[in-house]
C-alpha cells in the first residue's frame, strides 16, 4: 500500500507541470559551521526591556543544541543569566568586551563588537 502523504501537501490544489515536486515542511538538520567560520556579532541592546541592558550575540549558524551549549558557556563565564533561542544569545548586562575575549579564546576568530 502506498503511503498517503496528503497532509504534507496541503495548500496545493492542482499542477499541470509534470516535473512539479510538492514542498513539504520536512527540513534537514542544520549543520553547525566550524568555530573559525562563525561570524558572530556582539551588541548592546536595551529596547523593549524596561531600560535594562542585555548583550546580544547574533550571527550563529548551526543547530539549536550547539547554540544552547555556547549560551551556557557564556552565561557561566559571565556569571549571569540569559537565554539562547532563534539564532540569538541574550546575556543579561553589558558584557560586550568580556564575551568578545571569551569567544576569541574559544576559537571564534570572526567575533566582533558592533
PDB file of N, CA and C in Angstrom:
ATOM      1  N   UNK A   1       0.832  -1.172   0.000  1.00  0.00           N
ATOM      2  CA  UNK A   1       0.000   0.000   0.000  1.00  0.00           C
ATOM      3  C   UNK A   1       0.886   1.248   0.000  1.00  0.00           C
ATOM      4  N   UNK A   2       0.573   2.183  -0.830  1.00  0.00           N
ATOM      5  CA  UNK A   2       1.335   3.427  -0.979  1.00  0.00           C
ATOM      6  C   UNK A   2       1.064   4.358   0.203  1.00  0.00           C
ATOM      7  N   UNK A   3       2.129   5.015   0.673  1.00  0.00           N
ATOM      8  CA  UNK A   3       1.999   5.957   1.783  1.00  0.00           C
ATOM      9  C   UNK A   3       1.219   7.180   1.308  1.00  0.00           C
ATOM     10  N   UNK A   4       0.143   7.481   1.979  1.00  0.00           N
ATOM     11  CA  UNK A   4      -0.683   8.622   1.623  1.00  0.00           C
ATOM     12  C   UNK A   4      -0.153   9.849   2.364  1.00  0.00           C
ATOM     13  N   UNK A   5       0.477  10.756   1.623  1.00  0.00           N
ATOM     14  CA  UNK A   5       1.080  11.922   2.240  1.00  0.00           C
ATOM     15  C   UNK A   5       0.281  13.198   1.947  1.00  0.00           C
ATOM     16  N   UNK A   6      -1.038  13.087   1.895  1.00  0.00           N
ATOM     17  CA  UNK A   6      -1.856  14.245   1.557  1.00  0.00           C
ATOM     18  C   UNK A   6      -1.748  15.351   2.599  1.00  0.00           C
ATOM     19  N   UNK A   7      -1.453  14.997   3.855  1.00  0.00           N
ATOM     20  CA  UNK A   7      -1.323  16.030   4.879  1.00  0.00           C
ATOM     21  C   UNK A   7      -0.070  16.871   4.664  1.00  0.00           C
ATOM     22  N   UNK A   8       0.936  16.291   4.026  1.00  0.00           N
ATOM     23  CA  UNK A   8       2.159  17.030   3.727  1.00  0.00           C
ATOM     24  C   UNK A   8       1.976  17.963   2.531  1.00  0.00           C
ATOM     25  N   UNK A   9       0.923  17.759   1.746  1.00  0.00           N
ATOM     26  CA  UNK A   9       0.718  18.539   0.527  1.00  0.00           C
ATOM     27  C   UNK A   9      -0.420  19.528   0.645  1.00  0.00           C
ATOM     28  N   UNK A  10      -0.752  19.956   1.811  1.00  0.00           N
ATOM     29  CA  UNK A  10      -1.843  20.911   1.967  1.00  0.00           C
ATOM     30  C   UNK A  10      -1.496  22.210   1.267  1.00  0.00           C
ATOM     31  N   UNK A  11      -2.478  22.953   0.859  1.00  0.00           N
ATOM     32  CA  UNK A  11      -2.371  24.238   0.161  1.00  0.00           C
ATOM     33  C   UNK A  11      -1.979  24.078  -1.300  1.00  0.00           C
ATOM     34  N   UNK A  12      -1.936  22.894  -1.860  1.00  0.00           N
ATOM     35  CA  UNK A  12      -1.695  22.669  -3.275  1.00  0.00           C
ATOM     36  C   UNK A  12      -2.995  22.138  -3.871  1.00  0.00           C
ATOM     37  N   UNK A  13      -3.486  22.827  -4.894  1.00  0.00           N
ATOM     38  CA  UNK A  13      -4.751  22.420  -5.490  1.00  0.00           C
ATOM     39  C   UNK A  13      -4.506  21.532  -6.701  1.00  0.00           C
ATOM     40  N   UNK A  14      -3.723  22.026  -7.662  1.00  0.00           N
ATOM     41  CA  UNK A  14      -3.512  21.270  -8.886  1.00  0.00           C
ATOM     42  C   UNK A  14      -2.306  21.848  -9.608  1.00  0.00           C
ATOM     43  N   UNK A  15      -1.540  20.990 -10.254  1.00  0.00           N
ATOM     44  CA  UNK A  15      -0.402  21.443 -11.034  1.00  0.00           C
ATOM     45  C   UNK A  15      -0.357  20.679 -12.353  1.00  0.00           C
ATOM     46  N   UNK A  16      -0.128  21.394 -13.453  1.00  0.00           N
ATOM     47  CA  UNK A  16      -0.014  20.749 -14.758  1.00  0.00           C
ATOM     48  C   UNK A  16       1.432  20.477 -15.131  1.00  0.00           C
ATOM     49  N   UNK A  17       2.360  20.928 -14.326  1.00  0.00           N
ATOM     50  CA  UNK A  17       3.777  20.720 -14.582  1.00  0.00           C
ATOM     51  C   UNK A  17       4.144  19.274 -14.232  1.00  0.00           C
ATOM     52  N   UNK A  18       4.629  18.488 -15.230  1.00  0.00           N
ATOM     53  CA  UNK A  18       4.953  17.090 -14.937  1.00  0.00           C
ATOM     54  C   UNK A  18       6.173  16.933 -14.016  1.00  0.00           C
ATOM     55  N   UNK A  19       7.016  17.951 -13.902  1.00  0.00           N
ATOM     56  CA  UNK A  19       8.198  17.877 -13.039  1.00  0.00           C
ATOM     57  C   UNK A  19       7.968  18.529 -11.677  1.00  0.00           C
ATOM     58  N   UNK A  20       6.739  18.831 -11.358  1.00  0.00           N
ATOM     59  CA  UNK A  20       6.425  19.531 -10.110  1.00  0.00           C
ATOM     60  C   UNK A  20       6.706  18.627  -8.911  1.00  0.00           C
ATOM     61  N   UNK A  21       7.347  19.195  -7.903  1.00  0.00           N
ATOM     62  CA  UNK A  21       7.600  18.489  -6.651  1.00  0.00           C
ATOM     63  C   UNK A  21       6.868  19.234  -5.539  1.00  0.00           C
ATOM     64  N   UNK A  22       6.160  18.506  -4.735  1.00  0.00           N
ATOM     65  CA  UNK A  22       5.459  19.129  -3.625  1.00  0.00           C
ATOM     66  C   UNK A  22       6.460  19.619  -2.591  1.00  0.00           C
ATOM     67  N   UNK A  23       6.180  20.799  -2.039  1.00  0.00           N
ATOM     68  CA  UNK A  23       7.011  21.335  -0.969  1.00  0.00           C
ATOM     69  C   UNK A  23       6.436  20.852   0.351  1.00  0.00           C
ATOM     70  N   UNK A  24       7.256  20.235   1.131  1.00  0.00           N
ATOM     71  CA  UNK A  24       6.816  19.773   2.443  1.00  0.00           C
ATOM     72  C   UNK A  24       7.584  20.525   3.513  1.00  0.00           C
ATOM     73  N   UNK A  25       7.133  20.389   4.722  1.00  0.00           N
ATOM     74  CA  UNK A  25       7.759  21.077   5.836  1.00  0.00           C
ATOM     75  C   UNK A  25       8.931  20.301   6.423  1.00  0.00           C
ATOM     76  N   UNK A  26       9.322  19.232   5.791  1.00  0.00           N
ATOM     77  CA  UNK A  26      10.432  18.435   6.299  1.00  0.00           C
ATOM     78  C   UNK A  26      11.750  19.102   5.922  1.00  0.00           C
ATOM     79  N   UNK A  27      12.415  19.641   6.904  1.00  0.00           N
ATOM     80  CA  UNK A  27      13.713  20.250   6.667  1.00  0.00           C
ATOM     81  C   UNK A  27      14.778  19.428   7.365  1.00  0.00           C
ATOM     82  N   UNK A  28      15.930  19.346   6.743  1.00  0.00           N
ATOM     83  CA  UNK A  28      17.027  18.598   7.330  1.00  0.00           C
ATOM     84  C   UNK A  28      17.646  19.339   8.490  1.00  0.00           C
ATOM     85  N   UNK A  29      18.449  18.640   9.217  1.00  0.00           N
ATOM     86  CA  UNK A  29      19.121  19.251  10.345  1.00  0.00           C
ATOM     87  C   UNK A  29      20.174  20.226   9.845  1.00  0.00           C
ATOM     88  N   UNK A  30      20.216  21.395  10.438  1.00  0.00           N
ATOM     89  CA  UNK A  30      21.175  22.418  10.053  1.00  0.00           C
ATOM     90  C   UNK A  30      22.531  22.050  10.633  1.00  0.00           C
ATOM     91  N   UNK A  31      23.541  22.062   9.780  1.00  0.00           N
ATOM     92  CA  UNK A  31      24.888  21.760  10.253  1.00  0.00           C
ATOM     93  C   UNK A  31      25.506  23.013  10.846  1.00  0.00           C
ATOM     94  N   UNK A  32      26.212  22.830  11.930  1.00  0.00           N
ATOM     95  CA  UNK A  32      26.879  23.942  12.583  1.00  0.00           C
ATOM     96  C   UNK A  32      28.215  24.198  11.897  1.00  0.00           C
ATOM     97  N   UNK A  33      28.456  25.464  11.552  1.00  0.00           N
ATOM     98  CA  UNK A  33      29.722  25.838  10.943  1.00  0.00           C
ATOM     99  C   UNK A  33      30.831  25.696  11.969  1.00  0.00           C
ATOM    100  N   UNK A  34      32.064  25.462  11.519  1.00  0.00           N
ATOM    101  CA  UNK A  34      33.188  25.420  12.463  1.00  0.00           C
ATOM    102  C   UNK A  34      33.358  26.769  13.155  1.00  0.00           C
ATOM    103  N   UNK A  35      33.982  26.749  14.324  1.00  0.00           N
ATOM    104  CA  UNK A  35      34.134  27.970  15.120  1.00  0.00           C
ATOM    105  C   UNK A  35      34.831  29.081  14.354  1.00  0.00           C
ATOM    106  N   UNK A  36      35.859  28.738  13.582  1.00  0.00           N
ATOM    107  CA  UNK A  36      36.620  29.779  12.884  1.00  0.00           C
ATOM    108  C   UNK A  36      35.844  30.416  11.730  1.00  0.00           C
ATOM    109  N   UNK A  37      34.748  29.784  11.298  1.00  0.00           N
ATOM    110  CA  UNK A  37      33.952  30.346  10.206  1.00  0.00           C
ATOM    111  C   UNK A  37      32.691  31.069  10.689  1.00  0.00           C
ATOM    112  N   UNK A  38      32.395  30.995  11.984  1.00  0.00           N
ATOM    113  CA  UNK A  38      31.230  31.670  12.540  1.00  0.00           C
ATOM    114  C   UNK A  38      31.494  33.171  12.606  1.00  0.00           C
ATOM    115  N   UNK A  39      30.611  33.961  12.048  1.00  0.00           N
ATOM    116  CA  UNK A  39      30.736  35.426  12.086  1.00  0.00           C
ATOM    117  C   UNK A  39      29.762  35.956  13.136  1.00  0.00           C
ATOM    118  N   UNK A  40      30.199  35.978  14.383  1.00  0.00           N
ATOM    119  CA  UNK A  40      29.347  36.407  15.480  1.00  0.00           C
ATOM    120  C   UNK A  40      29.468  37.911  15.698  1.00  0.00           C
ATOM    121  N   UNK A  41      28.318  38.562  15.936  1.00  0.00           N
ATOM    122  CA  UNK A  41      28.282  39.990  16.198  1.00  0.00           C
ATOM    123  C   UNK A  41      27.763  40.205  17.611  1.00  0.00           C
ATOM    124  N   UNK A  42      28.500  41.001  18.367  1.00  0.00           N
ATOM    125  CA  UNK A  42      28.164  41.257  19.760  1.00  0.00           C
ATOM    126  C   UNK A  42      27.701  42.707  19.870  1.00  0.00           C
ATOM    127  N   UNK A  43      26.510  42.902  20.429  1.00  0.00           N
ATOM    128  CA  UNK A  43      25.983  44.266  20.544  1.00  0.00           C
ATOM    129  C   UNK A  43      25.258  44.450  21.865  1.00  0.00           C
ATOM    130  N   UNK A  44      25.046  45.697  22.221  1.00  0.00           N
ATOM    131  CA  UNK A  44      24.301  46.050  23.425  1.00  0.00           C
ATOM    132  C   UNK A  44      22.888  46.418  23.002  1.00  0.00           C
ATOM    133  N   UNK A  45      21.910  45.876  23.699  1.00  0.00           N
ATOM    134  CA  UNK A  45      20.513  46.129  23.349  1.00  0.00           C
ATOM    135  C   UNK A  45      19.745  46.497  24.609  1.00  0.00           C
ATOM    136  N   UNK A  46      18.922  47.532  24.531  1.00  0.00           N
ATOM    137  CA  UNK A  46      18.073  47.893  25.658  1.00  0.00           C
ATOM    138  C   UNK A  46      16.656  48.254  25.220  1.00  0.00           C
ATOM    139  N   UNK A  47      16.293  47.886  24.014  1.00  0.00           N
ATOM    140  CA  UNK A  47      14.947  48.142  23.513  1.00  0.00           C
ATOM    141  C   UNK A  47      13.974  47.100  24.056  1.00  0.00           C
ATOM    142  N   UNK A  48      12.795  47.559  24.430  1.00  0.00           N
ATOM    143  CA  UNK A  48      11.705  46.695  24.905  1.00  0.00           C
ATOM    144  C   UNK A  48      12.114  45.821  26.079  1.00  0.00           C
ATOM    145  N   UNK A  49      12.978  46.331  26.927  1.00  0.00           N
ATOM    146  CA  UNK A  49      13.443  45.557  28.072  1.00  0.00           C
ATOM    147  C   UNK A  49      13.306  46.347  29.372  1.00  0.00           C
ATOM    148  N   UNK A  50      12.486  47.346  29.378  1.00  0.00           N
ATOM    149  CA  UNK A  50      12.275  48.133  30.578  1.00  0.00           C
ATOM    150  C   UNK A  50      13.502  48.923  31.003  1.00  0.00           C
ATOM    151  N   UNK A  51      14.338  49.331  30.060  1.00  0.00           N
ATOM    152  CA  UNK A  51      15.537  50.105  30.357  1.00  0.00           C
ATOM    153  C   UNK A  51      16.732  49.275  30.767  1.00  0.00           C
ATOM    154  N   UNK A  52      16.568  47.963  30.887  1.00  0.00           N
ATOM    155  CA  UNK A  52      17.683  47.100  31.276  1.00  0.00           C
ATOM    156  C   UNK A  52      18.516  46.753  30.052  1.00  0.00           C
ATOM    157  N   UNK A  53      19.819  46.636  30.272  1.00  0.00           N
ATOM    158  CA  UNK A  53      20.743  46.349  29.172  1.00  0.00           C
ATOM    159  C   UNK A  53      20.990  44.847  29.076  1.00  0.00           C
ATOM    160  N   UNK A  54      21.093  44.371  27.854  1.00  0.00           N
ATOM    161  CA  UNK A  54      21.489  42.987  27.601  1.00  0.00           C
ATOM    162  C   UNK A  54      22.534  42.977  26.492  1.00  0.00           C
ATOM    163  N   UNK A  55      23.400  41.997  26.542  1.00  0.00           N
ATOM    164  CA  UNK A  55      24.372  41.786  25.487  1.00  0.00           C
ATOM    165  C   UNK A  55      23.781  40.766  24.536  1.00  0.00           C
ATOM    166  N   UNK A  56      23.734  41.114  23.268  1.00  0.00           N
ATOM    167  CA  UNK A  56      23.096  40.287  22.251  1.00  0.00           C
ATOM    168  C   UNK A  56      24.154  39.743  21.309  1.00  0.00           C
ATOM    169  N   UNK A  57      24.209  38.420  21.170  1.00  0.00           N
ATOM    170  CA  UNK A  57      25.146  37.767  20.254  1.00  0.00           C
ATOM    171  C   UNK A  57      24.323  37.184  19.110  1.00  0.00           C
ATOM    172  N   UNK A  58      24.558  37.661  17.890  1.00  0.00           N
ATOM    173  CA  UNK A  58      23.813  37.206  16.721  1.00  0.00           C
ATOM    174  C   UNK A  58      24.783  36.662  15.672  1.00  0.00           C
ATOM    175  N   UNK A  59      24.224  36.038  14.650  1.00  0.00           N
ATOM    176  CA  UNK A  59      25.031  35.551  13.538  1.00  0.00           C
ATOM    177  C   UNK A  59      25.444  34.105  13.666  1.00  0.00           C
ATOM    178  N   UNK A  60      24.934  33.393  14.655  1.00  0.00           N
ATOM    179  CA  UNK A  60      25.305  31.988  14.829  1.00  0.00           C
ATOM    180  C   UNK A  60      24.615  31.144  13.774  1.00  0.00           C
ATOM    181  N   UNK A  61      25.379  30.311  13.088  1.00  0.00           N
ATOM    182  CA  UNK A  61      24.824  29.410  12.083  1.00  0.00           C
ATOM    183  C   UNK A  61      25.022  27.983  12.561  1.00  0.00           C
ATOM    184  N   UNK A  62      23.919  27.319  12.852  1.00  0.00           N
ATOM    185  CA  UNK A  62      24.022  25.945  13.322  1.00  0.00           C
ATOM    186  C   UNK A  62      22.735  25.493  13.972  1.00  0.00           C
ATOM    187  N   UNK A  63      22.803  24.313  14.583  1.00  0.00           N
ATOM    188  CA  UNK A  63      21.601  23.759  15.204  1.00  0.00           C
ATOM    189  C   UNK A  63      21.407  24.327  16.605  1.00  0.00           C
ATOM    190  N   UNK A  64      20.220  24.119  17.161  1.00  0.00           N
ATOM    191  CA  UNK A  64      19.853  24.699  18.446  1.00  0.00           C
ATOM    192  C   UNK A  64      20.673  24.127  19.599  1.00  0.00           C
ATOM    193  N   UNK A  65      21.074  22.873  19.487  1.00  0.00           N
ATOM    194  CA  UNK A  65      21.880  22.252  20.543  1.00  0.00           C
ATOM    195  C   UNK A  65      23.199  22.990  20.743  1.00  0.00           C
ATOM    196  N   UNK A  66      23.895  23.273  19.647  1.00  0.00           N
ATOM    197  CA  UNK A  66      25.175  23.967  19.729  1.00  0.00           C
ATOM    198  C   UNK A  66      24.986  25.409  20.198  1.00  0.00           C
ATOM    199  N   UNK A  67      23.887  26.028  19.797  1.00  0.00           N
ATOM    200  CA  UNK A  67      23.584  27.379  20.253  1.00  0.00           C
ATOM    201  C   UNK A  67      23.362  27.386  21.765  1.00  0.00           C
ATOM    202  N   UNK A  68      22.626  26.403  22.261  1.00  0.00           N
ATOM    203  CA  UNK A  68      22.384  26.287  23.704  1.00  0.00           C
ATOM    204  C   UNK A  68      23.698  26.074  24.455  1.00  0.00           C
ATOM    205  N   UNK A  69      24.582  25.244  23.909  1.00  0.00           N
ATOM    206  CA  UNK A  69      25.874  24.977  24.562  1.00  0.00           C
ATOM    207  C   UNK A  69      26.723  26.243  24.638  1.00  0.00           C
ATOM    208  N   UNK A  70      26.758  27.013  23.548  1.00  0.00           N
ATOM    209  CA  UNK A  70      27.523  28.253  23.547  1.00  0.00           C
ATOM    210  C   UNK A  70      26.918  29.256  24.525  1.00  0.00           C
ATOM    211  N   UNK A  71      25.598  29.342  24.562  1.00  0.00           N
ATOM    212  CA  UNK A  71      24.929  30.236  25.508  1.00  0.00           C
ATOM    213  C   UNK A  71      25.224  29.852  26.947  1.00  0.00           C
ATOM    214  N   UNK A  72      25.232  28.559  27.225  1.00  0.00           N
ATOM    215  CA  UNK A  72      25.528  28.080  28.576  1.00  0.00           C
ATOM    216  C   UNK A  72      26.963  28.420  28.964  1.00  0.00           C
ATOM    217  N   UNK A  73      27.896  28.280  28.027  1.00  0.00           N
ATOM    218  CA  UNK A  73      29.290  28.620  28.282  1.00  0.00           C
ATOM    219  C   UNK A  73      29.436  30.100  28.622  1.00  0.00           C
ATOM    220  N   UNK A  74      28.814  30.960  27.811  1.00  0.00           N
ATOM    221  CA  UNK A  74      28.925  32.399  28.021  1.00  0.00           C
ATOM    222  C   UNK A  74      28.253  32.840  29.313  1.00  0.00           C
ATOM    223  N   UNK A  75      27.091  32.287  29.623  1.00  0.00           N
ATOM    224  CA  UNK A  75      26.405  32.637  30.858  1.00  0.00           C
ATOM    225  C   UNK A  75      27.225  32.207  32.068  1.00  0.00           C
ATOM    226  N   UNK A  76      27.839  31.040  31.981  1.00  0.00           N
ATOM    227  CA  UNK A  76      28.652  30.547  33.088  1.00  0.00           C
ATOM    228  C   UNK A  76      29.904  31.374  33.304  1.00  0.00           C
ATOM    229  N   UNK A  77      30.566  31.761  32.223  1.00  0.00           N
ATOM    230  CA  UNK A  77      31.794  32.554  32.335  1.00  0.00           C
ATOM    231  C   UNK A  77      31.504  33.968  32.845  1.00  0.00           C
ATOM    232  N   UNK A  78      30.344  34.520  32.482  1.00  0.00           N
ATOM    233  CA  UNK A  78      29.993  35.873  32.926  1.00  0.00           C
ATOM    234  C   UNK A  78      29.306  35.862  34.291  1.00  0.00           C
ATOM    235  N   UNK A  79      28.778  34.708  34.693  1.00  0.00           N
ATOM    236  CA  UNK A  79      28.118  34.604  35.983  1.00  0.00           C
ATOM    237  C   UNK A  79      26.767  35.286  36.039  1.00  0.00           C
ATOM    238  N   UNK A  80      26.058  35.308  34.916  1.00  0.00           N
ATOM    239  CA  UNK A  80      24.748  35.955  34.841  1.00  0.00           C
ATOM    240  C   UNK A  80      23.767  35.040  34.122  1.00  0.00           C
ATOM    241  N   UNK A  81      22.535  35.469  34.030  1.00  0.00           N
ATOM    242  CA  UNK A  81      21.506  34.714  33.337  1.00  0.00           C
ATOM    243  C   UNK A  81      21.380  35.151  31.892  1.00  0.00           C
ATOM    244  N   UNK A  82      20.505  34.479  31.195  1.00  0.00           N
ATOM    245  CA  UNK A  82      20.264  34.810  29.798  1.00  0.00           C
ATOM    246  C   UNK A  82      19.515  33.692  29.119  1.00  0.00           C
ATOM    247  N   UNK A  83      19.448  33.758  27.794  1.00  0.00           N
ATOM    248  CA  UNK A  83      18.770  32.716  27.029  1.00  0.00           C
ATOM    249  C   UNK A  83      19.420  32.580  25.662  1.00  0.00           C
ATOM    250  N   UNK A  84      19.130  31.455  25.018  1.00  0.00           N
ATOM    251  CA  UNK A  84      19.650  31.192  23.679  1.00  0.00           C
ATOM    252  C   UNK A  84      18.540  30.554  22.862  1.00  0.00           C
ATOM    253  N   UNK A  85      18.033  31.305  21.874  1.00  0.00           N
ATOM    254  CA  UNK A  85      16.985  30.771  21.006  1.00  0.00           C
ATOM    255  C   UNK A  85      16.915  31.591  19.736  1.00  0.00           C
ATOM    256  N   UNK A  86      16.366  31.020  18.700  1.00  0.00           N
ATOM    257  CA  UNK A  86      16.176  31.679  17.402  1.00  0.00           C
ATOM    258  C   UNK A  86      17.471  32.250  16.834  1.00  0.00           C
ATOM    259  N   UNK A  87      18.580  31.589  17.046  1.00  0.00           N
ATOM    260  CA  UNK A  87      19.858  32.039  16.494  1.00  0.00           C
ATOM    261  C   UNK A  87      20.490  33.195  17.231  1.00  0.00           C
ATOM    262  N   UNK A  88      19.961  33.552  18.399  1.00  0.00           N
ATOM    263  CA  UNK A  88      20.492  34.649  19.197  1.00  0.00           C
ATOM    264  C   UNK A  88      20.786  34.173  20.608  1.00  0.00           C
ATOM    265  N   UNK A  89      21.802  34.778  21.197  1.00  0.00           N
ATOM    266  CA  UNK A  89      22.111  34.528  22.597  1.00  0.00           C
ATOM    267  C   UNK A  89      21.966  35.860  23.324  1.00  0.00           C
ATOM    268  N   UNK A  90      21.193  35.862  24.396  1.00  0.00           N
ATOM    269  CA  UNK A  90      20.967  37.062  25.183  1.00  0.00           C
ATOM    270  C   UNK A  90      21.610  36.856  26.548  1.00  0.00           C
ATOM    271  N   UNK A  91      22.528  37.755  26.907  1.00  0.00           N
ATOM    272  CA  UNK A  91      23.203  37.720  28.197  1.00  0.00           C
ATOM    273  C   UNK A  91      22.785  38.979  28.960  1.00  0.00           C
ATOM    274  N   UNK A  92      22.321  38.818  30.188  1.00  0.00           N
ATOM    275  CA  UNK A  92      21.865  39.963  30.974  1.00  0.00           C
ATOM    276  C   UNK A  92      23.045  40.824  31.393  1.00  0.00           C
ATOM    277  N   UNK A  93      22.972  42.110  31.099  1.00  0.00           N
ATOM    278  CA  UNK A  93      24.014  43.053  31.477  1.00  0.00           C
ATOM    279  C   UNK A  93      24.903  43.402  30.296  1.00  0.00           C
ATOM    280  N   UNK A  94      25.820  44.349  30.533  1.00  0.00           N
ATOM    281  CA  UNK A  94      26.750  44.801  29.490  1.00  0.00           C
ATOM    282  C   UNK A  94      28.076  44.060  29.645  1.00  0.00           C
ATOM    283  N   UNK A  95      28.249  42.991  28.872  1.00  0.00           N
ATOM    284  CA  UNK A  95      29.453  42.166  28.926  1.00  0.00           C
ATOM    285  C   UNK A  95      30.096  42.046  27.541  1.00  0.00           C
ATOM    286  N   UNK A  96      30.003  43.079  26.730  1.00  0.00           N
ATOM    287  CA  UNK A  96      30.491  43.005  25.352  1.00  0.00           C
ATOM    288  C   UNK A  96      31.967  42.655  25.279  1.00  0.00           C
ATOM    289  N   UNK A  97      32.811  43.365  26.015  1.00  0.00           N
ATOM    290  CA  UNK A  97      34.252  43.122  25.938  1.00  0.00           C
ATOM    291  C   UNK A  97      34.628  41.751  26.476  1.00  0.00           C
ATOM    292  N   UNK A  98      34.034  41.364  27.598  1.00  0.00           N
ATOM    293  CA  UNK A  98      34.335  40.071  28.199  1.00  0.00           C
ATOM    294  C   UNK A  98      33.915  38.927  27.280  1.00  0.00           C
ATOM    295  N   UNK A  99      32.734  39.043  26.676  1.00  0.00           N
ATOM    296  CA  UNK A  99      32.241  37.994  25.777  1.00  0.00           C
ATOM    297  C   UNK A  99      33.111  37.908  24.531  1.00  0.00           C
ATOM    298  N   UNK A 100      33.545  39.053  24.023  1.00  0.00           N
ATOM    299  CA  UNK A 100      34.421  39.049  22.849  1.00  0.00           C
ATOM    300  C   UNK A 100      35.726  38.327  23.168  1.00  0.00           C
ATOM    301  N   UNK A 101      36.307  38.580  24.324  1.00  0.00           N
ATOM    302  CA  UNK A 101      37.535  37.904  24.731  1.00  0.00           C
ATOM    303  C   UNK A 101      37.318  36.403  24.881  1.00  0.00           C
ATOM    304  N   UNK A 102      36.203  36.010  25.497  1.00  0.00           N
ATOM    305  CA  UNK A 102      35.894  34.592  25.692  1.00  0.00           C
ATOM    306  C   UNK A 102      35.760  33.891  24.345  1.00  0.00           C
ATOM    307  N   UNK A 103      35.033  34.514  23.415  1.00  0.00           N
ATOM    308  CA  UNK A 103      34.820  33.911  22.100  1.00  0.00           C
ATOM    309  C   UNK A 103      36.127  33.796  21.316  1.00  0.00           C
ATOM    310  N   UNK A 104      36.968  34.818  21.380  1.00  0.00           N
ATOM    311  CA  UNK A 104      38.244  34.775  20.661  1.00  0.00           C
ATOM    312  C   UNK A 104      39.153  33.690  21.231  1.00  0.00           C
ATOM    313  N   UNK A 105      39.168  33.536  22.558  1.00  0.00           N
ATOM    314  CA  UNK A 105      39.978  32.480  23.185  1.00  0.00           C
ATOM    315  C   UNK A 105      39.443  31.095  22.849  1.00  0.00           C
ATOM    316  N   UNK A 106      38.118  31.004  22.664  1.00  0.00           N
ATOM    317  CA  UNK A 106      37.488  29.708  22.382  1.00  0.00           C
ATOM    318  C   UNK A 106      37.598  29.316  20.912  1.00  0.00           C
ATOM    319  N   UNK A 107      38.110  30.188  20.049  1.00  0.00           N
ATOM    320  CA  UNK A 107      38.316  29.838  18.657  1.00  0.00           C
ATOM    321  C   UNK A 107      37.395  30.523  17.673  1.00  0.00           C
ATOM    322  N   UNK A 108      36.508  31.381  18.131  1.00  0.00           N
ATOM    323  CA  UNK A 108      35.615  32.122  17.233  1.00  0.00           C
ATOM    324  C   UNK A 108      36.376  33.366  16.760  1.00  0.00           C
ATOM    325  N   UNK A 109      37.114  33.228  15.656  1.00  0.00           N
ATOM    326  CA  UNK A 109      38.016  34.265  15.194  1.00  0.00           C
ATOM    327  C   UNK A 109      37.306  35.472  14.599  1.00  0.00           C
ATOM    328  N   UNK A 110      36.082  35.310  14.120  1.00  0.00           N
ATOM    329  CA  UNK A 110      35.376  36.407  13.451  1.00  0.00           C
ATOM    330  C   UNK A 110      34.389  37.107  14.380  1.00  0.00           C
ATOM    331  N   UNK A 111      34.523  36.931  15.688  1.00  0.00           N
ATOM    332  CA  UNK A 111      33.631  37.606  16.637  1.00  0.00           C
ATOM    333  C   UNK A 111      34.048  39.058  16.744  1.00  0.00           C
ATOM    334  N   UNK A 112      33.060  39.973  16.654  1.00  0.00           N
ATOM    335  CA  UNK A 112      33.389  41.382  16.754  1.00  0.00           C
ATOM    336  C   UNK A 112      32.263  42.145  17.432  1.00  0.00           C
ATOM    337  N   UNK A 113      32.640  43.246  18.073  1.00  0.00           N
ATOM    338  CA  UNK A 113      31.687  44.098  18.771  1.00  0.00           C
ATOM    339  C   UNK A 113      31.162  45.137  17.787  1.00  0.00           C
ATOM    340  N   UNK A 114      29.863  45.293  17.766  1.00  0.00           N
ATOM    341  CA  UNK A 114      29.242  46.281  16.879  1.00  0.00           C
ATOM    342  C   UNK A 114      28.885  47.502  17.703  1.00  0.00           C
TER     343      UNK A 114
END
